């Protein structure tokens, strides 16, 4: 795991002819937003040997910014400087607290870290995330900047929330996003894709590609004449995007859908259809089309935008955006495999519970 540093946009570059035409003292001072805009306009995406906009390299989307905006923030799309300093400063204390030595002789039911100091997503996973100390986690230490603005959410809807579903839309599945694996221990196929080491938990591979809030939110992008391949650290997935091709019509739905891409100027545009039900996004899958745009907007930044379009679930397309930052290091193999001892352990435990319940004349495992 490596900690990624998301870089904010710096001071604007002044145009040389304008600077020469007037004394420096006479130049109006640009606002931070205008300064960011000027610098973005001045950046020219590099090209690779094939003449494509160069997206290759190691990237990370680890961040403190959630996909969905906290409802208390309403329609406020950015944090204040004071809020950013507080959030990013709290991570330093979080790491100090989480990295304190663990007593190897402590009983199994020993209290975990102060619940008030645990992020909500960590608490939802059992406090220390299945027994991991904070030192094993890399959820992100910076608020996500987009065009230099510290965003309160990835979603770009007015309130940063998913839009209202159509009355005719199928019910949205509960926790797990339709991936299964919760409460069923009958056989390995009923467990989640993450537990079976088929796809990472969360939506790291996508589409849309989203950080999981825990660790391994890292990627490597490769480009060739006929395809773009994104290596996803979580479970070592390889997402293959075929260039200038047609979508498949054989009815098969690959784990990450059927992704076809093309270049529009400095942007890689990817359209994905044929998404399998187990990879449903907020209940949408059969008619879901995800359009992603990857644009190199700085030496160390790739703007990622995604649009979700399913007329059977939502009245109109919607989506979000964030920026990949540089990964300070490389990606090594994530050696998750079907031999993961936790999987047979859970199933064996369920069989033991069933035997014990049968001996007592009760029910089986939950």
Protein backbone atom coordinates (compact mmCIF):
# COMPACT_ATOMS: atom_id res chain seq x y z
CA UNK A 1 0.00 0.00 0.00
CA UNK A 2 1.23 3.42 -0.77
CA UNK A 3 -0.06 6.79 0.29
CA UNK A 4 -1.01 9.00 -2.59
CA UNK A 5 -0.60 12.74 -2.50
CA UNK A 6 -3.33 14.65 -4.29
CA UNK A 7 -1.82 17.92 -5.45
CA UNK A 8 -3.79 21.14 -5.45
CA UNK A 9 -3.50 23.66 -8.25
CA UNK A 10 -0.91 26.32 -7.51
CA UNK A 11 -0.58 29.97 -8.44
CA UNK A 12 -1.79 31.02 -11.87
CA UNK A 13 0.65 31.61 -14.71
CA UNK A 14 0.45 35.13 -16.07
CA UNK A 15 0.46 35.50 -19.84
CA UNK A 16 3.81 36.94 -20.96
CA UNK A 17 2.49 39.50 -23.47
CA UNK A 18 0.12 40.94 -20.88
CA UNK A 19 2.88 41.18 -18.30
CA UNK A 20 5.11 43.08 -20.72
CA UNK A 21 2.36 45.46 -21.79
CA UNK A 22 1.63 46.88 -18.34
CA UNK A 23 3.56 47.50 -15.10
CA UNK A 24 3.28 44.60 -12.63
CA UNK A 25 1.69 46.88 -10.06
CA UNK A 26 -1.19 47.59 -12.41
CA UNK A 27 -2.16 43.93 -12.88
CA UNK A 28 -5.37 42.88 -11.08
CA UNK A 29 -4.93 40.06 -8.61
CA UNK A 30 -6.60 36.87 -9.86
CA UNK A 31 -9.05 35.03 -7.60
CA UNK A 32 -8.07 31.45 -6.59
CA UNK A 33 -10.74 30.02 -8.92
CA UNK A 34 -9.56 32.17 -11.84
CA UNK A 35 -5.94 31.31 -11.08
CA UNK A 36 -6.77 27.60 -11.25
CA UNK A 37 -8.65 28.14 -14.51
CA UNK A 38 -5.72 29.98 -16.08
CA UNK A 39 -3.28 27.26 -15.13
CA UNK A 40 -5.57 24.53 -16.51
CA UNK A 41 -5.89 26.46 -19.76
CA UNK A 42 -2.10 26.78 -19.97
CA UNK A 43 -1.50 23.02 -19.54
CA UNK A 44 -1.12 20.97 -22.70
CA UNK A 45 -1.58 17.24 -22.28
CA UNK A 46 1.52 15.33 -23.43
CA UNK A 47 1.27 12.77 -26.22
CA UNK A 48 2.70 9.26 -26.23
CA UNK A 49 4.55 7.59 -29.12
CA UNK A 50 1.19 6.71 -30.72
CA UNK A 51 0.05 10.32 -30.69
CA UNK A 52 -2.55 9.63 -27.99
CA UNK A 53 -2.96 11.87 -24.92
CA UNK A 54 -0.60 10.27 -22.41
CA UNK A 55 -2.51 8.81 -19.47
CA UNK A 56 0.00 6.10 -18.64
CA UNK A 57 1.50 5.76 -15.20
CA UNK A 58 0.68 4.98 -11.59
CA UNK A 59 -2.31 6.78 -10.10
CA UNK A 60 -4.44 6.81 -6.94
CA UNK A 61 -7.93 8.03 -6.04
CA UNK A 62 -7.59 7.64 -2.25
CA UNK A 63 -9.26 10.62 -0.61
CA UNK A 64 -11.21 11.96 2.36
CA UNK A 65 -13.96 13.16 0.04
CA UNK A 66 -16.92 10.75 -0.22
CA UNK A 67 -18.84 9.97 -3.37
CA UNK A 68 -22.08 11.20 -1.77
CA UNK A 69 -22.09 14.57 0.00
CA UNK A 70 -22.95 14.64 3.71
CA UNK A 71 -26.56 15.83 3.78
CA UNK A 72 -25.77 18.54 6.34
CA UNK A 73 -23.77 20.40 3.67
CA UNK A 74 -26.81 20.84 1.44
CA UNK A 75 -25.84 22.31 -1.93
CA UNK A 76 -22.37 23.40 -0.83
CA UNK A 77 -19.97 21.76 -3.30
CA UNK A 78 -16.68 22.82 -1.66
CA UNK A 79 -15.16 22.88 1.79
CA UNK A 80 -13.78 26.04 3.36
CA UNK A 81 -10.00 26.29 3.96
CA UNK A 82 -10.65 25.89 7.69
CA UNK A 83 -12.69 22.73 7.13
CA UNK A 84 -9.99 21.28 4.90
CA UNK A 85 -7.31 21.99 7.50
CA UNK A 86 -9.42 20.36 10.21
CA UNK A 87 -10.17 17.25 8.17
CA UNK A 88 -6.64 16.71 6.94
CA UNK A 89 -5.21 17.50 10.38
CA UNK A 90 -7.51 14.93 11.97
CA UNK A 91 -5.94 12.22 9.82
CA UNK A 92 -2.58 12.86 11.45
CA UNK A 93 -4.11 12.27 14.87
CA UNK A 94 -6.07 9.29 13.56
CA UNK A 95 -2.86 7.65 12.38
CA UNK A 96 -1.14 8.32 15.70
CA UNK A 97 -4.04 6.80 17.60
CA UNK A 98 -4.43 3.84 15.28
CA UNK A 99 -0.74 3.01 15.20
CA UNK A 100 -0.37 2.57 18.94
CA UNK A 101 0.99 -0.92 19.79
CA UNK A 102 -1.57 -3.66 20.25
CA UNK A 103 -1.31 -5.82 23.35
CA UNK A 104 -0.75 -9.36 22.02
CA UNK A 105 -2.14 -10.78 25.28
CA UNK A 106 -5.38 -8.80 25.21
CA UNK A 107 -8.53 -10.96 25.20
CA UNK A 108 -10.51 -11.31 21.98
CA UNK A 109 -13.32 -9.15 23.38
CA UNK A 110 -11.01 -6.33 24.47
CA UNK A 111 -12.46 -2.89 23.63
CA UNK A 112 -11.27 -1.43 20.37
CA UNK A 113 -10.16 2.13 19.77
CA UNK A 114 -12.33 5.01 20.94
CA UNK A 115 -15.44 4.82 18.73
CA UNK A 116 -15.55 8.61 18.54
CA UNK A 117 -12.17 8.58 16.83
CA UNK A 118 -13.08 5.94 14.24
CA UNK A 119 -14.35 6.97 10.83
CA UNK A 120 -17.95 5.88 10.16
CA UNK A 121 -16.83 3.58 7.34
CA UNK A 122 -14.30 1.91 9.65
CA UNK A 123 -16.92 1.45 12.37
CA UNK A 124 -19.30 -0.12 9.84
CA UNK A 125 -16.63 -2.72 9.10
CA UNK A 126 -16.01 -3.57 12.74
CA UNK A 127 -13.97 -0.67 14.09
CA UNK A 128 -10.48 -1.76 13.22
CA UNK A 129 -11.66 -3.23 9.93
CA UNK A 130 -11.55 -6.92 10.57
CA UNK A 131 -8.66 -6.73 13.00
CA UNK A 132 -6.42 -4.44 10.96
CA UNK A 133 -4.68 -1.68 12.87
CA UNK A 134 -4.73 1.77 11.28
CA UNK A 135 -1.18 1.21 10.02
CA UNK A 136 -2.53 -1.34 7.53
CA UNK A 137 -5.04 1.06 6.06
CA UNK A 138 -4.60 3.74 3.39
CA UNK A 139 -8.01 5.37 2.91
CA UNK A 140 -6.61 8.74 1.87
CA UNK A 141 -5.31 11.73 3.78
CA UNK A 142 -6.38 14.64 1.59
CA UNK A 143 -9.63 16.26 0.53
CA UNK A 144 -10.21 15.72 -3.19
CA UNK A 145 -9.42 18.77 -5.31
CA UNK A 146 -11.06 19.19 -8.71
CA UNK A 147 -9.80 22.16 -10.70
CA UNK A 148 -8.16 23.25 -7.44
CA UNK A 149 -11.45 23.25 -5.52
CA UNK A 150 -11.75 21.08 -2.35
CA UNK A 151 -14.90 19.11 -3.14
CA UNK A 152 -17.47 17.88 -0.62
CA UNK A 153 -18.51 14.98 -2.87
CA UNK A 154 -17.76 13.25 -6.16
CA UNK A 155 -21.36 13.58 -7.27
CA UNK A 156 -22.06 16.76 -9.19
CA UNK A 157 -25.81 16.83 -8.63
CA UNK A 158 -27.00 20.02 -6.90
CA UNK A 159 -27.16 18.39 -3.46
CA UNK A 160 -24.41 15.85 -4.04
CA UNK A 161 -26.93 13.03 -3.65
CA UNK A 162 -28.21 10.43 -6.15
CA UNK A 163 -31.38 11.64 -7.89
CA UNK A 164 -34.81 10.30 -7.05
CA UNK A 165 -35.55 6.94 -8.63
CA UNK A 166 -38.48 6.52 -10.96
CA UNK A 167 -41.61 5.04 -9.31
CA UNK A 168 -41.44 2.17 -11.80
CA UNK A 169 -37.79 1.32 -11.02
CA UNK A 170 -37.07 -2.01 -9.37
CA UNK A 171 -36.34 -1.78 -5.62
CA UNK A 172 -32.76 -0.85 -4.83
CA UNK A 173 -30.86 -3.65 -3.06
CA UNK A 174 -29.60 -3.08 0.45
CA UNK A 175 -26.02 -3.03 1.70
CA UNK A 176 -23.71 -4.86 -0.68
CA UNK A 177 -25.04 -3.27 -3.85
CA UNK A 178 -26.41 -6.56 -5.19
CA UNK A 179 -23.07 -8.30 -4.80
CA UNK A 180 -24.44 -10.92 -2.43
CA UNK A 181 -22.53 -12.66 0.32
CA UNK A 182 -24.37 -11.25 3.33
CA UNK A 183 -26.06 -13.77 5.59
CA UNK A 184 -25.74 -16.79 3.31
CA UNK A 185 -23.21 -19.53 4.05
CA UNK A 186 -24.70 -22.37 2.02
CA UNK A 187 -21.89 -22.56 -0.54
CA UNK A 188 -18.92 -20.56 -1.89
CA UNK A 189 -20.91 -19.21 -4.85
CA UNK A 190 -23.26 -17.41 -2.46
CA UNK A 191 -20.45 -15.39 -0.94
CA UNK A 192 -19.39 -12.01 -2.28
CA UNK A 193 -17.06 -11.52 -5.25
CA UNK A 194 -14.53 -9.89 -2.93
CA UNK A 195 -14.41 -12.85 -0.55
CA UNK A 196 -14.01 -15.17 -3.52
CA UNK A 197 -11.18 -12.97 -4.89
CA UNK A 198 -12.99 -12.41 -8.19
CA UNK A 199 -13.36 -8.63 -7.89
CA UNK A 200 -12.35 -6.21 -5.18
CA UNK A 201 -14.94 -5.04 -2.66
CA UNK A 202 -16.26 -1.57 -3.31
CA UNK A 203 -16.13 -0.36 -6.91
CA UNK A 204 -12.40 0.06 -7.49
CA UNK A 205 -12.58 -1.53 -10.94
CA UNK A 206 -15.97 -0.03 -11.77
CA UNK A 207 -17.45 1.34 -13.78
CA UNK A 208 -17.73 3.86 -12.29
CA UNK A 209 -14.30 3.52 -10.67
CA UNK A 210 -14.54 4.58 -7.02
CA UNK A 211 -12.20 4.31 -4.01
CA UNK A 212 -13.25 1.75 -1.40
CA UNK A 213 -12.47 3.88 1.68
CA UNK A 214 -9.96 1.43 3.15
CA UNK A 215 -6.84 0.66 1.13
CA UNK A 216 -5.30 -0.27 -2.24
CA UNK A 217 -7.03 2.51 -4.17
CA UNK A 218 -4.25 2.46 -6.73
CA UNK A 219 -4.03 1.94 -10.49
CA UNK A 220 -1.65 1.65 -13.40
CA UNK A 221 -2.76 2.71 -16.87
CA UNK A 222 -1.29 1.15 -20.05
CA UNK A 223 -2.03 2.36 -23.58
CA UNK A 224 -1.64 0.57 -26.90
CA UNK A 225 -2.92 1.07 -30.43
CA UNK A 226 -5.99 -1.08 -29.88
CA UNK A 227 -6.71 -0.91 -26.16
CA UNK A 228 -6.27 0.86 -22.86
CA UNK A 229 -5.68 -1.46 -19.89
CA UNK A 230 -6.18 -0.34 -16.31
CA UNK A 231 -4.53 -2.48 -13.66
CA UNK A 232 -6.52 -2.20 -10.44
CA UNK A 233 -4.49 -3.00 -7.34
CA UNK A 234 -7.48 -4.32 -5.42
CA UNK A 235 -7.62 -8.04 -6.24
CA UNK A 236 -5.25 -7.45 -9.17
CA UNK A 237 -8.04 -6.81 -11.66
CA UNK A 238 -7.21 -5.87 -15.25
CA UNK A 239 -9.84 -3.77 -16.95
CA UNK A 240 -9.49 -3.91 -20.75
CA UNK A 241 -10.99 -1.05 -22.77
CA UNK A 242 -11.15 -1.85 -26.49
CA UNK A 243 -10.56 1.18 -28.72
CA UNK A 244 -12.73 2.12 -31.69
CA UNK A 245 -14.70 -1.12 -31.46
CA UNK A 246 -18.34 -2.18 -31.31
CA UNK A 247 -20.13 -3.42 -28.21
CA UNK A 248 -20.70 -7.14 -28.00
CA UNK A 249 -24.12 -8.46 -28.96
CA UNK A 250 -23.83 -12.07 -27.77
CA UNK A 251 -25.64 -11.47 -24.49
CA UNK A 252 -22.59 -12.09 -22.33
CA UNK A 253 -21.96 -9.65 -19.49
CA UNK A 254 -18.30 -9.55 -18.35
CA UNK A 255 -17.56 -8.84 -14.67
CA UNK A 256 -16.67 -5.20 -15.43
CA UNK A 257 -19.09 -4.81 -18.30
CA UNK A 258 -18.17 -4.31 -21.95
CA UNK A 259 -16.01 -1.17 -22.25
CA UNK A 260 -15.33 0.50 -25.60
CA UNK A 261 -13.29 3.69 -25.88
CA UNK A 262 -12.11 6.37 -28.25
CA UNK A 263 -10.12 9.60 -28.02
CA UNK A 264 -11.67 13.04 -28.32
CA UNK A 265 -8.82 15.53 -28.33
CA UNK A 266 -7.08 15.25 -24.95
CA UNK A 267 -9.77 12.97 -23.51
CA UNK A 268 -10.25 9.20 -23.48
CA UNK A 269 -14.00 8.56 -23.64
CA UNK A 270 -15.18 5.13 -22.49
CA UNK A 271 -18.71 3.76 -22.84
CA UNK A 272 -19.61 0.63 -20.88
CA UNK A 273 -22.73 -1.50 -21.32
CA UNK A 274 -23.57 -5.18 -20.69
CA UNK A 275 -22.98 -4.81 -16.96
CA UNK A 276 -23.83 -7.96 -14.96
CA UNK A 277 -26.50 -7.88 -12.27
CA UNK A 278 -24.03 -8.67 -9.52
CA UNK A 279 -22.20 -5.45 -10.47
CA UNK A 280 -25.35 -3.31 -10.33
CA UNK A 281 -24.80 0.32 -9.40
CA UNK A 282 -27.53 1.46 -7.00
CA UNK A 283 -29.82 -1.16 -8.51
CA UNK A 284 -29.15 -0.24 -12.16
CA UNK A 285 -27.51 -2.77 -14.46
CA UNK A 286 -29.57 -4.24 -17.29
CA UNK A 287 -30.07 -0.97 -19.20
CA UNK A 288 -27.26 0.94 -17.51
CA UNK A 289 -24.74 2.78 -19.66
CA UNK A 290 -21.73 4.33 -17.93
CA UNK A 291 -19.75 6.95 -19.84
CA UNK A 292 -16.33 7.85 -18.43
CA UNK A 293 -13.94 10.60 -19.48
CA UNK A 294 -10.23 10.53 -18.60
CA UNK A 295 -8.42 13.85 -19.22
CA UNK A 296 -4.84 14.72 -18.30
CA UNK A 297 -5.25 18.19 -16.76
CA UNK A 298 -1.86 18.54 -15.12
CA UNK A 299 1.54 16.91 -14.83
CA UNK A 300 0.31 14.91 -11.85
CA UNK A 301 -3.46 14.91 -12.32
CA UNK A 302 -6.02 13.06 -14.42
CA UNK A 303 -9.59 14.34 -14.33
CA UNK A 304 -12.08 11.46 -14.16
CA UNK A 305 -15.74 12.16 -14.97
CA UNK A 306 -18.55 9.61 -15.08
CA UNK A 307 -22.14 9.76 -16.28
CA UNK A 308 -24.80 7.17 -15.38
CA UNK A 309 -27.66 6.67 -17.81
CA UNK A 310 -30.45 4.19 -17.18
CA UNK A 311 -33.91 5.41 -18.30
CA UNK A 312 -35.56 2.56 -16.40
CA UNK A 313 -34.20 3.84 -13.06
CA UNK A 314 -33.62 7.61 -13.34
CA UNK A 315 -35.40 10.31 -15.34
CA UNK A 316 -32.16 11.72 -16.74
CA UNK A 317 -28.40 11.02 -16.77
CA UNK A 318 -26.32 12.15 -13.79
CA UNK A 319 -22.87 11.50 -12.37
CA UNK A 320 -19.75 12.86 -10.75
CA UNK A 321 -16.07 13.66 -11.05
CA UNK A 322 -12.76 13.57 -9.21
CA UNK A 323 -9.06 13.71 -10.02
CA UNK A 324 -6.52 10.91 -9.86
CA UNK A 325 -3.30 11.93 -8.18
CA UNK A 326 0.19 10.43 -8.53
CA UNK A 327 1.04 7.20 -6.73
CA UNK A 328 4.46 7.52 -5.08
CA UNK A 329 5.61 4.03 -5.94
CA UNK A 330 4.54 1.06 -8.02
CA UNK A 331 1.84 -1.60 -7.75
CA UNK A 332 2.80 -5.08 -6.65
CA UNK A 333 0.59 -8.14 -6.99
CA UNK A 334 -2.41 -8.28 -4.69
CA UNK A 335 -2.29 -12.01 -4.01
CA UNK A 336 -5.94 -12.66 -3.31
CA UNK A 337 -6.95 -16.10 -4.54
CA UNK A 338 -9.61 -18.77 -4.20
CA UNK A 339 -7.50 -20.46 -1.54
CA UNK A 340 -8.18 -17.62 0.91
CA UNK A 341 -8.50 -19.49 4.20
CA UNK A 342 -11.27 -17.18 5.44
CA UNK A 343 -13.72 -18.60 2.90
CA UNK A 344 -13.52 -22.30 3.91
CA UNK A 345 -13.29 -21.13 7.52
CA UNK A 346 -16.63 -19.34 7.34
CA UNK A 347 -18.31 -22.24 5.58
CA UNK A 348 -16.88 -24.73 8.05
CA UNK A 349 -18.07 -22.57 10.92
CA UNK A 350 -21.57 -22.51 9.46
CA UNK A 351 -21.59 -26.31 9.17
CA UNK A 352 -20.49 -26.59 12.80
CA UNK A 353 -23.28 -24.25 13.89
CA UNK A 354 -25.78 -26.33 11.96
CA UNK A 355 -24.60 -29.54 13.64
CA UNK A 356 -24.76 -27.94 17.07
CA UNK A 357 -28.23 -26.57 16.37
CA UNK A 358 -29.42 -29.93 15.06
CA UNK A 359 -28.13 -31.66 18.18
CA UNK A 360 -30.16 -29.22 20.28
CA UNK A 361 -33.16 -29.49 18.02
CA UNK A 362 -32.84 -25.88 16.83
CA UNK A 363 -32.33 -24.14 13.50
CA UNK A 364 -29.21 -23.86 11.36
CA UNK A 365 -26.64 -21.13 10.76
CA UNK A 366 -27.86 -17.62 10.09
